[in-house]
Amino acid sequence: MTLAAPGRHDFRANTEVVGLCSDLLKINTSNPTHGERAAAEYVAAALSEVGISCEWFEPEPQRTSIVARLPGSDRTLPPLLVHAHLDVVPAVAEDWSVDPFGGLVEDGYVWGRGAVDMKGMVAAMVAVARSYRADGLLPHRDIVMAFFADEEAGGRFGAEHVVGTRPDLFAGCEDAIGEVGGFSHRLSPDRRCYLVSTAEKGALWARLDASGRAGHGSMLNDDNAVSAVCQAVSRIAEHDFPREVSPTVRLFLDRVAELLGVPGGDIDDLMDRLGPLAKMIRASTQDTCNPTSISGGYKANVVPSRAAATVDGRFLPGHEDAFARELHRLAGDRVSVETIFQGPAVESPWDVPLVEHMQRALQREDPEAVIVPYMSTAFTDAKWISRLGIRCYGFSPLLLPDDLDFTALFHGVDERVPVSALHFSVAVLRNLFDEY
């Protein structure tokens, strides 16, 4: 095999990626009710067909991750880790206009739960790997491809397990790309940027518990567990955490202000210019904590002895300890706080060679492309990968229609990805792997 020359693509990947994505969407990998085994078998078979073998991990039945390696022409270079997850969040079929697990290809889109989060990227990774073998060519450096289970529930049975038990599979990797980033956003009629995640907020999911005096609903009760939990939930929901601009967010704001030709000092003015994207960027300027469930009681005229709620907290880099203290303070003395899941915040540098190659790979397909760093408010498997000292970036490239509210598709109803965006993704990934 020989090294691939930039732009030398027969685009076999274009003809395969849509079918791969559709097939994967037909495999229900909803977390936690369905495992990832069937999807892992599908990916492994597609790779095995072109001579690429996989390492298998299954810490619990059906909770399957696989890792493969596509050799490069220069084995002295540090490998690039490319990762995606096989699980998806559940979908309520009655809320959708199509079958969420039908893999429908219609109206220029591939429809289904996981289309953007993130089976589209899985399909692109597999299609690109297969195209190298079909062309008889090699990427510039080794590409380590990881397909993880359980990302949507924190990664215990996926990335955390694989990284913890087989760190040798990632030996030498300095950089990794995965979700959430690389998608386009129209800033103005003549400015289109691609947001690359160089940071992500930390996560703290917690359960709030209160106990009190059970009794008849008609009596006075100053030790009511339901009241205690509701008051705690109210304090948390109404609390406005202070704004703080991290280095990544400052880079984003300065870059956007430069592209728009406006002063960069007024954050709110810039937010007003971002359209639907603003809700995500605003959330990256402060810690957040949202109540997500509440339970307690079993009959209208009975005061229960216990009540509970859950909250989803997200904190900025460096805020982990302070955020936990504030959550306990807001919960109050009558409510206990139990951590369900906690993952660290992640922040990687912007001035690295990989970023320059991302820019070039995008511009080969979209001459307008300008990349901009941002902080993701969601957590990804980067939390576990970064423990190995690997720099992590959200880069799953997609050129999107200007009027598509992309962020609303994550975990949303009628999740879908444009067919043209999948074609764009494989072209950009191939450009990146050829040159970097």
Foldseek 3Di string as FASTA:
>chain_A
DAFDDFPPFPLQLLVQLLVQLLVLLLDAQAPPPAAQQVVVVVLQVLLVVLPWHWDWAFPDPRNIKIKTKFAAPDAVAQAEEEEAESYFHDDDCVLFPDRQNRQDCPPQWGWHTQQVNPSLLVSLVSSLSSRCSVVVHGFHGMYMYIYWGDFVPPAPRTLLVCCVPCVVSNPRFAAYAYDDWQEWAALDPQAIETEKAQKAWKKWKKKKKFFFDKDWQVDDGPTFQQVLQVQLQVLQQPDDFDFAQDPQLLQQLVVSCVRVVHDSPDPVVSLVSRPLCSVFQRCQGGKHKHWDFWDDDDDPTMRGRMIMTMMMITGHAPCVVVVVVVSVVSSDDRMDMGTPDIFHIGGADCPDVLNVLLQVLLCVVPVSYDYGYGYGHDDGSVRNVCVSVHRYMHHQHFYDDNPDSQVCLRVHHRRIHRSVRSSSRSSSVSSSRSPD
